Amino acid sequence: MTSLPQHPSEGSERERPSLVVARAAQALAAAGVEAPRAEAEQLAAHVLDVPRGRLALADGFTPAQRDRLDALVDRRVAREPLQHLTGAAGFRHLELAVGPGVFVPRPETELLAGWGIEQARRWPAPLVVDLCSGSGAIALAVAQELPSARVVAVERSPAALDWLRRNAAERAAAGDRPVEVVAADVTDPELLADLVGRVDVLLCNPPYVPRSVVVSPEVAGHDPDEAVFGGADGLDVIRPVVGRAAALLRPGGVLGVEHDDTHATAVPALLAADGRYERVEEHRDLVGRPRYATASRRADGQHADPGPAWQTGSS
């Protein structure tokens, strides 16, 4: 990393955090990192093992700590994800272990998790299923915030399953209700056969990016390909999930599925065309992009003729 002159505190080899952070932020900005100051502070707090909000009050950096931070900044300049460098990703009220082999959960997925949690509150002891669970972000958020829920997390990738099981074990040890981890392919037509017609809330953040889309260096170089891309149109996983979810949900149960911002019409149309859903809605994220679609399993449990009964939600 290109270093600025260092200015140790007078009478000490320690360097003030403000100077170290400024140097790191300058290097990150030069590399095109979107939030260089915030990320420099997060890396500095990680090295000093203090909360970011307490960074200004922390002891200065020793030479060894400066070297460690410089090495982390060099890796971030090379566009290794910040969460891989710190080993953790925040999600709602959780801090999850992440690293190579698992998709790093995104803030926008917190909206889908929050919707699912609010829907699950309608039942005294809901059964909630999280498909394409990855690190376990959605499943573990539900289990933490809704202790009455039975939560089942489904993941196919062996590498992601390792992270999921690690996070599930850590949250259970912290006192959250244990999550049931199932190793399975969500496109399997017999998926969770023992739960057919019993699920109250089914949530899914599948791979959905169309293959032709150019993604950021952090995604292209580090997120697992199978967790990002969903075929030519991004719907290769969503199509079978829509059908299998209809079989798993009880009458009146609900489905929420995250999708690409180009799928604002396509995913609701798939739900409406299935014939087993009603109240199909499209939801936008905090910056107005189409982000996830929701629907209810028909209360009569039957198929209906497909119709245009879906709308854009306000959330």
C-alpha atoms as a PDB file:
ATOM      1  CA  MET A   1       0.000   0.000   0.000  1.00  0.00           C
ATOM      2  CA  THR A   2       1.248   3.514  -0.751  1.00  0.00           C
ATOM      3  CA  SER A   3       1.951   5.001   2.664  1.00  0.00           C
ATOM      4  CA  LEU A   4       1.658   8.551   3.866  1.00  0.00           C
ATOM      5  CA  PRO A   5       4.234   9.839   6.363  1.00  0.00           C
ATOM      6  CA  GLN A   6       3.570   8.361   9.751  1.00  0.00           C
ATOM      7  CA  HIS A   7       3.319  10.512  12.856  1.00  0.00           C
ATOM      8  CA  PRO A   8       3.660   8.561  16.087  1.00  0.00           C
ATOM      9  CA  SER A   9       2.267  10.097  19.226  1.00  0.00           C
ATOM     10  CA  GLU A  10       4.916  12.075  21.052  1.00  0.00           C
ATOM     11  CA  GLY A  11       7.013   9.845  23.291  1.00  0.00           C
ATOM     12  CA  SER A  12       5.508   6.669  21.894  1.00  0.00           C
ATOM     13  CA  GLU A  13       5.728   4.356  18.924  1.00  0.00           C
ATOM     14  CA  ARG A  14       1.946   4.355  18.687  1.00  0.00           C
ATOM     15  CA  GLU A  15       0.267   6.285  15.905  1.00  0.00           C
ATOM     16  CA  ARG A  16      -3.021   8.077  16.400  1.00  0.00           C
ATOM     17  CA  PRO A  17      -6.035   6.246  14.910  1.00  0.00           C
ATOM     18  CA  SER A  18      -7.159   9.364  13.028  1.00  0.00           C
ATOM     19  CA  LEU A  19      -3.893   9.457  11.075  1.00  0.00           C
ATOM     20  CA  VAL A  20      -3.924   5.749  10.330  1.00  0.00           C
ATOM     21  CA  VAL A  21      -7.526   5.870   9.155  1.00  0.00           C
ATOM     22  CA  ALA A  22      -6.819   8.885   6.925  1.00  0.00           C
ATOM     23  CA  ARG A  23      -3.961   7.054   5.234  1.00  0.00           C
ATOM     24  CA  ALA A  24      -6.057   3.924   4.715  1.00  0.00           C
ATOM     25  CA  ALA A  25      -9.027   5.908   3.393  1.00  0.00           C
ATOM     26  CA  GLN A  26      -6.798   7.667   0.876  1.00  0.00           C
ATOM     27  CA  ALA A  27      -5.564   4.337  -0.494  1.00  0.00           C
ATOM     28  CA  LEU A  28      -9.080   2.901  -0.687  1.00  0.00           C
ATOM     29  CA  ALA A  29     -10.423   6.001  -2.429  1.00  0.00           C
ATOM     30  CA  ALA A  30      -7.666   5.809  -5.015  1.00  0.00           C
ATOM     31  CA  ALA A  31      -8.687   2.215  -5.725  1.00  0.00           C
ATOM     32  CA  GLY A  32     -12.308   3.209  -6.340  1.00  0.00           C
ATOM     33  CA  VAL A  33     -13.832   1.736  -3.169  1.00  0.00           C
ATOM     34  CA  GLU A  34     -17.262   3.335  -2.756  1.00  0.00           C
ATOM     35  CA  ALA A  35     -17.118   4.227   0.944  1.00  0.00           C
ATOM     36  CA  PRO A  36     -13.389   4.562   1.658  1.00  0.00           C
ATOM     37  CA  ARG A  37     -13.610   6.397   4.966  1.00  0.00           C
ATOM     38  CA  ALA A  38     -16.219   4.053   6.433  1.00  0.00           C
ATOM     39  CA  GLU A  39     -14.320   0.971   5.309  1.00  0.00           C
ATOM     40  CA  ALA A  40     -11.015   2.342   6.610  1.00  0.00           C
ATOM     41  CA  GLU A  41     -12.640   2.864   9.984  1.00  0.00           C
ATOM     42  CA  GLN A  42     -14.066  -0.653   9.982  1.00  0.00           C
ATOM     43  CA  LEU A  43     -10.697  -2.184   9.150  1.00  0.00           C
ATOM     44  CA  ALA A  44      -8.940  -0.064  11.763  1.00  0.00           C
ATOM     45  CA  ALA A  45     -11.494  -1.015  14.418  1.00  0.00           C
ATOM     46  CA  HIS A  46     -11.072  -4.664  13.440  1.00  0.00           C
ATOM     47  CA  VAL A  47      -7.299  -4.500  13.891  1.00  0.00           C
ATOM     48  CA  LEU A  48      -7.593  -2.719  17.248  1.00  0.00           C
ATOM     49  CA  ASP A  49     -10.464  -5.004  18.328  1.00  0.00           C
ATOM     50  CA  VAL A  50     -12.695  -2.101  19.347  1.00  0.00           C
ATOM     51  CA  PRO A  51     -16.176  -1.016  18.200  1.00  0.00           C
ATOM     52  CA  ARG A  52     -16.024   1.404  15.291  1.00  0.00           C
ATOM     53  CA  GLY A  53     -17.768   4.050  17.401  1.00  0.00           C
ATOM     54  CA  ARG A  54     -14.959   3.862  19.977  1.00  0.00           C
ATOM     55  CA  LEU A  55     -12.136   4.130  17.462  1.00  0.00           C
ATOM     56  CA  ALA A  56     -11.255   7.742  18.265  1.00  0.00           C
ATOM     57  CA  LEU A  57     -10.827   6.813  21.951  1.00  0.00           C
ATOM     58  CA  ALA A  58      -8.676   3.765  21.300  1.00  0.00           C
ATOM     59  CA  ASP A  59      -4.977   3.524  22.004  1.00  0.00           C
ATOM     60  CA  GLY A  60      -2.793   4.310  19.016  1.00  0.00           C
ATOM     61  CA  PHE A  61      -1.526   1.731  16.542  1.00  0.00           C
ATOM     62  CA  THR A  62       1.685  -0.102  17.315  1.00  0.00           C
ATOM     63  CA  PRO A  63       4.026  -0.699  14.357  1.00  0.00           C
ATOM     64  CA  ALA A  64       2.806  -4.298  14.158  1.00  0.00           C
ATOM     65  CA  GLN A  65      -0.815  -3.158  14.071  1.00  0.00           C
ATOM     66  CA  ARG A  66      -0.015  -0.595  11.376  1.00  0.00           C
ATOM     67  CA  ASP A  67       1.578  -3.334   9.300  1.00  0.00           C
ATOM     68  CA  ARG A  68      -1.448  -5.552   9.772  1.00  0.00           C
ATOM     69  CA  LEU A  69      -3.825  -2.792   8.723  1.00  0.00           C
ATOM     70  CA  ASP A  70      -1.675  -1.941   5.705  1.00  0.00           C
ATOM     71  CA  ALA A  71      -1.855  -5.590   4.625  1.00  0.00           C
ATOM     72  CA  LEU A  72      -5.643  -5.604   4.944  1.00  0.00           C
ATOM     73  CA  VAL A  73      -5.925  -2.360   3.004  1.00  0.00           C
ATOM     74  CA  ASP A  74      -3.770  -3.841   0.238  1.00  0.00           C
ATOM     75  CA  ARG A  75      -6.165  -6.769   0.003  1.00  0.00           C
ATOM     76  CA  ARG A  76      -9.170  -4.429  -0.084  1.00  0.00           C
ATOM     77  CA  VAL A  77      -7.493  -2.353  -2.789  1.00  0.00           C
ATOM     78  CA  ALA A  78      -7.329  -5.604  -4.768  1.00  0.00           C
ATOM     79  CA  ARG A  79     -11.149  -5.736  -4.231  1.00  0.00           C
ATOM     80  CA  GLU A  80     -11.310  -8.574  -1.769  1.00  0.00           C
ATOM     81  CA  PRO A  81     -14.634  -8.061   0.062  1.00  0.00           C
ATOM     82  CA  LEU A  82     -14.474  -6.144   3.308  1.00  0.00           C
ATOM     83  CA  GLN A  83     -16.429  -8.925   5.023  1.00  0.00           C
ATOM     84  CA  HIS A  84     -13.783 -11.482   4.056  1.00  0.00           C
ATOM     85  CA  LEU A  85     -11.130  -9.298   5.636  1.00  0.00           C
ATOM     86  CA  THR A  86     -12.999  -8.905   8.918  1.00  0.00           C
ATOM     87  CA  GLY A  87     -14.525 -12.389   8.805  1.00  0.00           C
ATOM     88  CA  ALA A  88     -17.993 -11.096   9.582  1.00  0.00           C
ATOM     89  CA  ALA A  89     -21.081  -9.575   7.981  1.00  0.00           C
ATOM     90  CA  GLY A  90     -23.835  -7.706   9.786  1.00  0.00           C
ATOM     91  CA  PHE A  91     -27.423  -8.702   9.064  1.00  0.00           C
ATOM     92  CA  ARG A  92     -30.296  -7.137  10.998  1.00  0.00           C
ATOM     93  CA  HIS A  93     -29.324  -7.798  14.651  1.00  0.00           C
ATOM     94  CA  LEU A  94     -26.778 -10.504  13.833  1.00  0.00           C
ATOM     95  CA  GLU A  95     -23.085 -10.730  13.068  1.00  0.00           C
ATOM     96  CA  LEU A  96     -22.440 -13.730  10.853  1.00  0.00           C
ATOM     97  CA  ALA A  97     -19.193 -15.488  10.034  1.00  0.00           C
ATOM     98  CA  VAL A  98     -18.456 -15.349   6.300  1.00  0.00           C
ATOM     99  CA  GLY A  99     -15.533 -16.012   4.013  1.00  0.00           C
ATOM    100  CA  PRO A 100     -14.523 -17.844   0.829  1.00  0.00           C
ATOM    101  CA  GLY A 101     -17.187 -20.232  -0.417  1.00  0.00           C
ATOM    102  CA  VAL A 102     -20.294 -18.426   0.826  1.00  0.00           C
ATOM    103  CA  PHE A 103     -22.305 -15.500  -0.519  1.00  0.00           C
ATOM    104  CA  VAL A 104     -21.942 -12.376   1.619  1.00  0.00           C
ATOM    105  CA  PRO A 105     -25.443 -11.307   2.750  1.00  0.00           C
ATOM    106  CA  ARG A 106     -26.536  -7.896   1.471  1.00  0.00           C
ATOM    107  CA  PRO A 107     -28.408  -5.184   3.383  1.00  0.00           C
ATOM    108  CA  GLU A 108     -31.296  -5.236   0.910  1.00  0.00           C
ATOM    109  CA  THR A 109     -32.078  -8.830   1.864  1.00  0.00           C
ATOM    110  CA  GLU A 110     -32.896  -7.575   5.364  1.00  0.00           C
ATOM    111  CA  LEU A 111     -36.144  -6.250   3.855  1.00  0.00           C
ATOM    112  CA  LEU A 112     -37.222  -9.731   2.775  1.00  0.00           C
ATOM    113  CA  ALA A 113     -36.268 -11.171   6.168  1.00  0.00           C
ATOM    114  CA  GLY A 114     -38.217  -8.445   7.942  1.00  0.00           C
ATOM    115  CA  TRP A 115     -41.290  -9.054   5.792  1.00  0.00           C
ATOM    116  CA  GLY A 116     -41.088 -12.774   6.547  1.00  0.00           C
ATOM    117  CA  ILE A 117     -40.758 -12.192  10.288  1.00  0.00           C
ATOM    118  CA  GLU A 118     -43.824  -9.935  10.340  1.00  0.00           C
ATOM    119  CA  GLN A 119     -45.831 -12.456   8.352  1.00  0.00           C
ATOM    120  CA  ALA A 120     -44.770 -15.300  10.660  1.00  0.00           C
ATOM    121  CA  ARG A 121     -46.097 -13.427  13.697  1.00  0.00           C
ATOM    122  CA  ARG A 122     -49.602 -14.313  12.521  1.00  0.00           C
ATOM    123  CA  TRP A 123     -49.095 -17.882  13.725  1.00  0.00           C
ATOM    124  CA  PRO A 124     -48.407 -18.873  17.362  1.00  0.00           C
ATOM    125  CA  ALA A 125     -45.739 -21.422  16.389  1.00  0.00           C
ATOM    126  CA  PRO A 126     -44.941 -20.849  12.720  1.00  0.00           C
ATOM    127  CA  LEU A 127     -42.960 -23.167  10.474  1.00  0.00           C
ATOM    128  CA  VAL A 128     -40.566 -21.037   8.421  1.00  0.00           C
ATOM    129  CA  VAL A 129     -38.387 -22.365   5.590  1.00  0.00           C
ATOM    130  CA  ASP A 130     -35.385 -20.510   4.150  1.00  0.00           C
ATOM    131  CA  LEU A 131     -34.298 -21.808   0.737  1.00  0.00           C
ATOM    132  CA  CYS A 132     -30.815 -21.050  -0.682  1.00  0.00           C
ATOM    133  CA  SER A 133     -29.800 -20.212   2.876  1.00  0.00           C
ATOM    134  CA  GLY A 134     -26.087 -19.571   2.262  1.00  0.00           C
ATOM    135  CA  SER A 135     -24.587 -18.184   5.474  1.00  0.00           C
ATOM    136  CA  GLY A 136     -27.968 -18.632   7.171  1.00  0.00           C
ATOM    137  CA  ALA A 137     -28.712 -14.907   7.335  1.00  0.00           C
ATOM    138  CA  ILE A 138     -32.483 -15.065   6.803  1.00  0.00           C
ATOM    139  CA  ALA A 139     -33.049 -18.264   8.790  1.00  0.00           C
ATOM    140  CA  LEU A 140     -30.998 -17.104  11.762  1.00  0.00           C
ATOM    141  CA  ALA A 141     -32.629 -13.666  11.801  1.00  0.00           C
ATOM    142  CA  VAL A 142     -36.046 -15.320  11.956  1.00  0.00           C
ATOM    143  CA  ALA A 143     -34.937 -17.670  14.740  1.00  0.00           C
ATOM    144  CA  GLN A 144     -33.495 -14.800  16.774  1.00  0.00           C
ATOM    145  CA  GLU A 145     -36.398 -12.409  16.380  1.00  0.00           C
ATOM    146  CA  LEU A 146     -39.186 -14.982  16.560  1.00  0.00           C
ATOM    147  CA  PRO A 147     -38.248 -17.638  19.142  1.00  0.00           C
ATOM    148  CA  SER A 148     -41.610 -19.394  18.730  1.00  0.00           C
ATOM    149  CA  ALA A 149     -40.772 -20.314  15.126  1.00  0.00           C
ATOM    150  CA  ARG A 150     -39.456 -23.618  13.880  1.00  0.00           C
ATOM    151  CA  VAL A 151     -36.944 -22.636  11.186  1.00  0.00           C
ATOM    152  CA  VAL A 152     -35.559 -24.913   8.466  1.00  0.00           C
ATOM    153  CA  ALA A 153     -32.598 -23.716   6.370  1.00  0.00           C
ATOM    154  CA  VAL A 154     -31.848 -25.430   3.042  1.00  0.00           C
ATOM    155  CA  GLU A 155     -28.522 -25.146   1.227  1.00  0.00           C
ATOM    156  CA  ARG A 156     -26.820 -27.249  -1.466  1.00  0.00           C
ATOM    157  CA  SER A 157     -23.209 -26.035  -1.573  1.00  0.00           C
ATOM    158  CA  PRO A 158     -20.839 -27.988   0.718  1.00  0.00           C
ATOM    159  CA  ALA A 159     -18.723 -24.878   1.309  1.00  0.00           C
ATOM    160  CA  ALA A 160     -21.734 -22.717   2.155  1.00  0.00           C
ATOM    161  CA  LEU A 161     -23.111 -25.469   4.389  1.00  0.00           C
ATOM    162  CA  ASP A 162     -19.949 -25.271   6.487  1.00  0.00           C
ATOM    163  CA  TRP A 163     -20.540 -21.565   7.100  1.00  0.00           C
ATOM    164  CA  LEU A 164     -24.257 -22.120   7.695  1.00  0.00           C
ATOM    165  CA  ARG A 165     -23.641 -24.820  10.276  1.00  0.00           C
ATOM    166  CA  ARG A 166     -20.989 -22.707  11.977  1.00  0.00           C
ATOM    167  CA  ASN A 167     -23.315 -19.710  12.239  1.00  0.00           C
ATOM    168  CA  ALA A 168     -26.237 -21.860  13.349  1.00  0.00           C
ATOM    169  CA  ALA A 169     -24.120 -23.440  16.104  1.00  0.00           C
ATOM    170  CA  GLU A 170     -22.878 -20.051  17.301  1.00  0.00           C
ATOM    171  CA  ARG A 171     -26.375 -18.579  17.445  1.00  0.00           C
ATOM    172  CA  ALA A 172     -27.735 -21.622  19.272  1.00  0.00           C
ATOM    173  CA  ALA A 173     -24.895 -21.341  21.783  1.00  0.00           C
ATOM    174  CA  ALA A 174     -25.870 -17.681  22.248  1.00  0.00           C
ATOM    175  CA  GLY A 175     -29.372 -18.733  23.219  1.00  0.00           C
ATOM    176  CA  ASP A 176     -31.337 -18.443  19.971  1.00  0.00           C
ATOM    177  CA  ARG A 177     -33.686 -21.236  18.994  1.00  0.00           C
ATOM    178  CA  PRO A 178     -31.681 -23.801  16.976  1.00  0.00           C
ATOM    179  CA  VAL A 179     -32.191 -23.791  13.223  1.00  0.00           C
ATOM    180  CA  GLU A 180     -32.597 -27.090  11.371  1.00  0.00           C
ATOM    181  CA  VAL A 181     -30.050 -27.309   8.540  1.00  0.00           C
ATOM    182  CA  VAL A 182     -30.919 -29.441   5.506  1.00  0.00           C
ATOM    183  CA  ALA A 183     -28.431 -30.225   2.730  1.00  0.00           C
ATOM    184  CA  ALA A 184     -30.516 -30.291  -0.439  1.00  0.00           C
ATOM    185  CA  ASP A 185     -31.002 -28.776  -3.894  1.00  0.00           C
ATOM    186  CA  VAL A 186     -33.946 -26.372  -3.907  1.00  0.00           C
ATOM    187  CA  THR A 187     -34.772 -27.370  -7.490  1.00  0.00           C
ATOM    188  CA  ASP A 188     -35.393 -30.983  -6.426  1.00  0.00           C
ATOM    189  CA  PRO A 189     -39.084 -31.732  -7.125  1.00  0.00           C
ATOM    190  CA  GLU A 190     -39.203 -33.810  -3.913  1.00  0.00           C
ATOM    191  CA  LEU A 191     -37.614 -31.130  -1.726  1.00  0.00           C
ATOM    192  CA  LEU A 192     -38.713 -31.353   1.934  1.00  0.00           C
ATOM    193  CA  ALA A 193     -41.315 -33.983   1.117  1.00  0.00           C
ATOM    194  CA  ASP A 194     -42.172 -34.367   4.815  1.00  0.00           C
ATOM    195  CA  LEU A 195     -43.245 -30.709   4.997  1.00  0.00           C
ATOM    196  CA  VAL A 196     -45.672 -30.642   2.070  1.00  0.00           C
ATOM    197  CA  GLY A 197     -48.723 -28.548   2.938  1.00  0.00           C
ATOM    198  CA  ARG A 198     -47.326 -27.568   6.349  1.00  0.00           C
ATOM    199  CA  VAL A 199     -45.124 -24.483   5.843  1.00  0.00           C
ATOM    200  CA  ASP A 200     -46.437 -21.118   7.025  1.00  0.00           C
ATOM    201  CA  VAL A 201     -43.707 -18.838   5.611  1.00  0.00           C
ATOM    202  CA  LEU A 202     -41.230 -19.694   2.866  1.00  0.00           C
ATOM    203  CA  LEU A 203     -38.422 -17.252   2.077  1.00  0.00           C
ATOM    204  CA  CYS A 204     -35.802 -17.506  -0.639  1.00  0.00           C
ATOM    205  CA  ASN A 205     -32.852 -15.394  -1.766  1.00  0.00           C
ATOM    206  CA  PRO A 206     -31.756 -17.492  -4.760  1.00  0.00           C
ATOM    207  CA  PRO A 207     -29.073 -16.940  -7.375  1.00  0.00           C
ATOM    208  CA  TYR A 208     -30.863 -14.565  -9.736  1.00  0.00           C
ATOM    209  CA  VAL A 209     -28.397 -12.420 -11.686  1.00  0.00           C
ATOM    210  CA  PRO A 210     -28.709 -12.965 -15.467  1.00  0.00           C
ATOM    211  CA  ARG A 211     -25.533 -14.491 -16.867  1.00  0.00           C
ATOM    212  CA  SER A 212     -24.844 -11.528 -19.180  1.00  0.00           C
ATOM    213  CA  VAL A 213     -24.727  -8.984 -16.337  1.00  0.00           C
ATOM    214  CA  VAL A 214     -21.289  -7.615 -15.440  1.00  0.00           C
ATOM    215  CA  VAL A 215     -20.925  -7.714 -11.655  1.00  0.00           C
ATOM    216  CA  SER A 216     -18.524  -5.878  -9.353  1.00  0.00           C
ATOM    217  CA  PRO A 217     -14.975  -7.182  -8.797  1.00  0.00           C
ATOM    218  CA  GLU A 218     -15.907  -8.201  -5.256  1.00  0.00           C
ATOM    219  CA  VAL A 219     -18.725 -10.394  -6.571  1.00  0.00           C
ATOM    220  CA  ALA A 220     -16.931 -11.703  -9.652  1.00  0.00           C
ATOM    221  CA  GLY A 221     -13.793 -12.642  -7.785  1.00  0.00           C
ATOM    222  CA  HIS A 222     -15.134 -13.862  -4.471  1.00  0.00           C
ATOM    223  CA  ASP A 223     -18.857 -14.660  -4.239  1.00  0.00           C
ATOM    224  CA  PRO A 224     -19.547 -18.233  -5.401  1.00  0.00           C
ATOM    225  CA  ASP A 225     -20.710 -18.250  -9.011  1.00  0.00           C
ATOM    226  CA  GLU A 226     -23.541 -20.664  -8.213  1.00  0.00           C
ATOM    227  CA  ALA A 227     -24.861 -18.279  -5.561  1.00  0.00           C
ATOM    228  CA  VAL A 228     -24.931 -15.291  -7.918  1.00  0.00           C
ATOM    229  CA  PHE A 229     -26.024 -16.278 -11.423  1.00  0.00           C
ATOM    230  CA  GLY A 230     -29.401 -17.802 -12.242  1.00  0.00           C
ATOM    231  CA  GLY A 231     -28.943 -18.770 -15.875  1.00  0.00           C
ATOM    232  CA  ALA A 232     -29.409 -16.718 -19.019  1.00  0.00           C
ATOM    233  CA  ASP A 233     -32.410 -14.793 -17.707  1.00  0.00           C
ATOM    234  CA  GLY A 234     -31.678 -15.170 -13.984  1.00  0.00           C
ATOM    235  CA  LEU A 235     -34.776 -17.294 -13.380  1.00  0.00           C
ATOM    236  CA  ASP A 236     -33.388 -20.842 -13.540  1.00  0.00           C
ATOM    237  CA  VAL A 237     -33.749 -21.346  -9.779  1.00  0.00           C
ATOM    238  CA  ILE A 238     -36.753 -19.107  -9.192  1.00  0.00           C
ATOM    239  CA  ARG A 239     -38.972 -21.070 -11.618  1.00  0.00           C
ATOM    240  CA  PRO A 240     -38.783 -24.397  -9.747  1.00  0.00           C
ATOM    241  CA  VAL A 241     -38.879 -22.645  -6.364  1.00  0.00           C
ATOM    242  CA  VAL A 242     -42.214 -21.039  -7.268  1.00  0.00           C
ATOM    243  CA  GLY A 243     -43.686 -24.451  -8.020  1.00  0.00           C
ATOM    244  CA  ARG A 244     -42.219 -26.293  -5.060  1.00  0.00           C
ATOM    245  CA  ALA A 245     -43.158 -23.525  -2.632  1.00  0.00           C
ATOM    246  CA  ALA A 246     -46.796 -23.885  -3.671  1.00  0.00           C
ATOM    247  CA  ALA A 247     -46.641 -27.552  -2.660  1.00  0.00           C
ATOM    248  CA  LEU A 248     -44.923 -26.866   0.657  1.00  0.00           C
ATOM    249  CA  LEU A 249     -47.114 -23.990   1.824  1.00  0.00           C
ATOM    250  CA  ARG A 250     -50.290 -24.567   3.789  1.00  0.00           C
ATOM    251  CA  PRO A 251     -53.420 -22.790   2.510  1.00  0.00           C
ATOM    252  CA  GLY A 252     -52.915 -19.155   3.488  1.00  0.00           C
ATOM    253  CA  GLY A 253     -49.152 -19.604   3.863  1.00  0.00           C
ATOM    254  CA  VAL A 254     -46.915 -16.998   2.247  1.00  0.00           C
ATOM    255  CA  LEU A 255     -43.897 -16.905  -0.051  1.00  0.00           C
ATOM    256  CA  GLY A 256     -41.278 -14.172  -0.408  1.00  0.00           C
ATOM    257  CA  VAL A 257     -38.546 -14.417  -3.048  1.00  0.00           C
ATOM    258  CA  GLU A 258     -35.798 -11.903  -3.782  1.00  0.00           C
ATOM    259  CA  HIS A 259     -34.980 -11.205  -7.422  1.00  0.00           C
ATOM    260  CA  ASP A 260     -32.956  -9.056  -9.792  1.00  0.00           C
ATOM    261  CA  ASP A 261     -34.127  -5.509 -10.386  1.00  0.00           C
ATOM    262  CA  THR A 262     -34.921  -6.509 -13.986  1.00  0.00           C
ATOM    263  CA  HIS A 263     -37.477  -9.067 -12.738  1.00  0.00           C
ATOM    264  CA  ALA A 264     -40.147  -6.644 -11.506  1.00  0.00           C
ATOM    265  CA  THR A 265     -42.635  -8.085 -14.001  1.00  0.00           C
ATOM    266  CA  ALA A 266     -41.192 -11.561 -14.593  1.00  0.00           C
ATOM    267  CA  VAL A 267     -41.329 -12.972 -11.044  1.00  0.00           C
ATOM    268  CA  PRO A 268     -44.842 -11.742 -10.181  1.00  0.00           C
ATOM    269  CA  ALA A 269     -45.948 -13.117 -13.553  1.00  0.00           C
ATOM    270  CA  LEU A 270     -44.509 -16.540 -12.668  1.00  0.00           C
ATOM    271  CA  LEU A 271     -46.407 -16.491  -9.371  1.00  0.00           C
ATOM    272  CA  ALA A 272     -49.666 -15.460 -11.008  1.00  0.00           C
ATOM    273  CA  ALA A 273     -49.266 -18.034 -13.787  1.00  0.00           C
ATOM    274  CA  ASP A 274     -48.776 -20.892 -11.326  1.00  0.00           C
ATOM    275  CA  GLY A 275     -52.434 -20.692 -10.347  1.00  0.00           C
ATOM    276  CA  ARG A 276     -51.950 -21.663  -6.699  1.00  0.00           C
ATOM    277  CA  TYR A 277     -51.187 -18.176  -5.379  1.00  0.00           C
ATOM    278  CA  GLU A 278     -53.199 -15.076  -4.642  1.00  0.00           C
ATOM    279  CA  ARG A 279     -52.322 -11.562  -3.454  1.00  0.00           C
ATOM    280  CA  VAL A 280     -49.199 -11.413  -5.601  1.00  0.00           C
ATOM    281  CA  GLU A 281     -47.238  -8.232  -4.889  1.00  0.00           C
ATOM    282  CA  GLU A 282     -43.982  -6.665  -5.972  1.00  0.00           C
ATOM    283  CA  HIS A 283     -41.844  -4.811  -3.384  1.00  0.00           C
ATOM    284  CA  ARG A 284     -39.121  -2.213  -3.831  1.00  0.00           C
ATOM    285  CA  ASP A 285     -36.018  -1.581  -1.762  1.00  0.00           C
ATOM    286  CA  LEU A 286     -35.081   1.633   0.019  1.00  0.00           C
ATOM    287  CA  VAL A 287     -33.787   3.262  -3.168  1.00  0.00           C
ATOM    288  CA  GLY A 288     -36.829   2.287  -5.208  1.00  0.00           C
ATOM    289  CA  ARG A 289     -35.489  -0.726  -7.084  1.00  0.00           C
ATOM    290  CA  PRO A 290     -37.697  -3.800  -7.548  1.00  0.00           C
ATOM    291  CA  ARG A 291     -36.298  -6.228  -4.960  1.00  0.00           C
ATOM    292  CA  TYR A 292     -38.648  -9.055  -3.961  1.00  0.00           C
ATOM    293  CA  ALA A 293     -42.039 -10.514  -4.760  1.00  0.00           C
ATOM    294  CA  THR A 294     -44.544 -12.023  -2.341  1.00  0.00           C
ATOM    295  CA  ALA A 295     -47.677 -14.111  -2.617  1.00  0.00           C
ATOM    296  CA  SER A 296     -50.114 -16.150  -0.516  1.00  0.00           C
ATOM    297  CA  ARG A 297     -51.032 -19.762  -1.140  1.00  0.00           C
ATOM    298  CA  ARG A 298     -54.695 -19.821  -2.120  1.00  0.00           C
ATOM    299  CA  ALA A 299     -56.813 -20.253   0.983  1.00  0.00           C
ATOM    300  CA  ASP A 300     -58.861 -22.992  -0.732  1.00  0.00           C
ATOM    301  CA  GLY A 301     -55.661 -24.878  -1.590  1.00  0.00           C
ATOM    302  CA  GLN A 302     -56.702 -25.113  -5.230  1.00  0.00           C
ATOM    303  CA  HIS A 303     -55.414 -24.013  -8.614  1.00  0.00           C
ATOM    304  CA  ALA A 304     -56.994 -21.035 -10.313  1.00  0.00           C
ATOM    305  CA  ASP A 305     -56.810 -19.761 -13.846  1.00  0.00           C
ATOM    306  CA  PRO A 306     -53.806 -17.450 -14.189  1.00  0.00           C
ATOM    307  CA  GLY A 307     -54.736 -13.808 -14.065  1.00  0.00           C
ATOM    308  CA  PRO A 308     -53.178 -10.343 -13.815  1.00  0.00           C
ATOM    309  CA  ALA A 309     -53.845 -10.183 -10.059  1.00  0.00           C
ATOM    310  CA  TRP A 310     -50.595  -8.728  -8.852  1.00  0.00           C
ATOM    311  CA  GLN A 311     -49.553  -5.247  -7.915  1.00  0.00           C
ATOM    312  CA  THR A 312     -46.537  -3.185  -6.999  1.00  0.00           C
ATOM    313  CA  GLY A 313     -46.175  -2.982  -3.230  1.00  0.00           C
ATOM    314  CA  SER A 314     -45.172   0.127  -1.342  1.00  0.00           C
ATOM    315  CA  SER A 315     -42.516  -1.517   0.813  1.00  0.00           C
END
